[in-house]
Protein backbone atom coordinates (compact mmCIF):
# COMPACT_ATOMS: atom_id res chain seq x y z
CA MET A 1 10.03 -200.22 76.02
CA ARG A 2 12.30 -200.73 78.97
CA ASN A 3 15.91 -199.72 78.64
CA ASP A 4 18.71 -202.21 79.19
CA LEU A 5 19.88 -200.60 82.45
CA SER A 6 16.40 -200.85 83.95
CA ARG A 7 16.11 -204.50 82.94
CA LEU A 8 19.61 -205.22 84.24
CA GLU A 9 18.66 -203.74 87.62
CA GLU A 10 15.52 -205.87 87.69
CA LEU A 11 17.45 -209.04 86.88
CA LEU A 12 20.09 -208.26 89.53
CA ALA A 13 17.35 -207.70 92.10
CA ASP A 14 15.75 -211.03 91.19
CA ALA A 15 19.14 -212.75 91.42
CA ALA A 16 19.68 -211.26 94.88
CA LEU A 17 16.25 -212.15 96.22
CA GLU A 18 15.27 -215.44 94.66
CA GLY A 19 17.81 -216.53 92.08
CA LEU A 20 17.33 -216.67 88.34
CA GLY A 21 15.88 -219.32 86.08
CA ALA A 22 17.65 -220.37 82.91
CA ASN A 23 15.89 -217.76 80.73
CA GLU A 24 16.64 -214.92 83.13
CA ALA A 25 20.27 -216.03 83.53
CA ALA A 26 20.64 -216.06 79.73
CA GLU A 27 19.10 -212.58 79.53
CA LEU A 28 21.48 -211.34 82.23
CA HIS A 29 24.38 -212.80 80.27
CA SER A 30 23.14 -211.08 77.11
CA LEU A 31 23.35 -207.78 79.01
CA GLY A 32 27.01 -208.44 79.76
CA VAL A 33 26.83 -209.89 83.27
CA SER A 34 27.38 -213.50 84.26
CA GLU A 35 25.36 -214.74 87.22
CA ASP A 36 28.50 -216.63 88.27
CA ALA A 37 30.27 -213.27 88.66
CA LEU A 38 27.81 -212.22 91.35
CA GLY A 39 29.40 -213.07 94.67
CA GLU A 40 27.69 -213.32 98.02
CA GLU A 41 28.75 -209.77 98.87
CA GLU A 42 27.18 -208.34 95.72
CA LEU A 43 23.95 -210.23 96.27
CA ALA A 44 23.82 -209.19 99.93
CA ALA A 45 24.40 -205.55 98.97
CA ALA A 46 21.64 -205.71 96.37
CA ALA A 47 19.23 -207.27 98.86
CA ALA A 48 20.08 -204.57 101.44
CA ALA A 49 19.53 -201.82 98.88
CA LEU A 50 16.14 -203.30 98.01
CA ALA A 51 15.19 -203.37 101.68
CA TRP A 52 15.47 -199.56 101.76
CA LEU A 53 13.53 -199.07 98.53
CA LYS A 54 10.62 -196.69 98.95
CA ILE A 55 7.41 -198.14 97.55
CA GLU A 56 4.92 -195.52 96.43
CA ALA A 57 1.20 -195.91 95.94
CA MET A 58 -0.08 -196.14 92.40
CA PRO A 59 -1.82 -192.91 91.37
CA PRO A 60 -5.61 -193.41 91.34
CA PRO A 61 -6.02 -192.60 87.60
CA VAL A 62 -3.40 -195.22 86.73
CA ALA A 63 -5.06 -197.78 89.01
CA ALA A 64 -8.44 -197.07 87.37
CA ARG A 65 -6.99 -197.53 83.86
CA LEU A 66 -5.26 -200.73 84.91
CA GLU A 67 -8.48 -202.09 86.41
CA GLU A 68 -10.44 -201.17 83.27
CA HIS A 69 -7.94 -202.90 81.00
CA GLY A 70 -7.87 -205.92 83.30
CA GLU A 71 -11.64 -206.25 83.18
CA LYS A 72 -11.63 -206.01 79.38
CA TRP A 73 -8.85 -208.60 79.18
CA ALA A 74 -10.70 -210.98 81.51
CA ALA A 75 -13.93 -210.58 79.53
CA ALA A 76 -12.10 -211.36 76.28
CA ARG A 77 -10.56 -214.46 77.88
CA ARG A 78 -14.00 -215.65 79.01
CA VAL A 79 -15.32 -215.23 75.44
CA GLN A 80 -12.32 -217.14 74.03
CA SER A 81 -12.78 -220.01 76.50
CA THR A 82 -16.44 -220.47 75.50
CA ASN A 83 -15.61 -220.69 71.79
């Protein structure tokens, strides 16, 4: 389960980069921040911080597990769609 601070950071990043939909804005508000309180300076600072974010490769064992689960999920969806 994600903690509130992690989710807040994710919502603020989304607000800075692409804006928030109604559900995300409500979730942001539930975490104690109003999207209206985010000024241009705050959004610009958040976008700049994201530009410097270091993206790391997914470890191969994690990628393999993800692929395996994805294949199982897709197979189950195919079975459901034929029923």
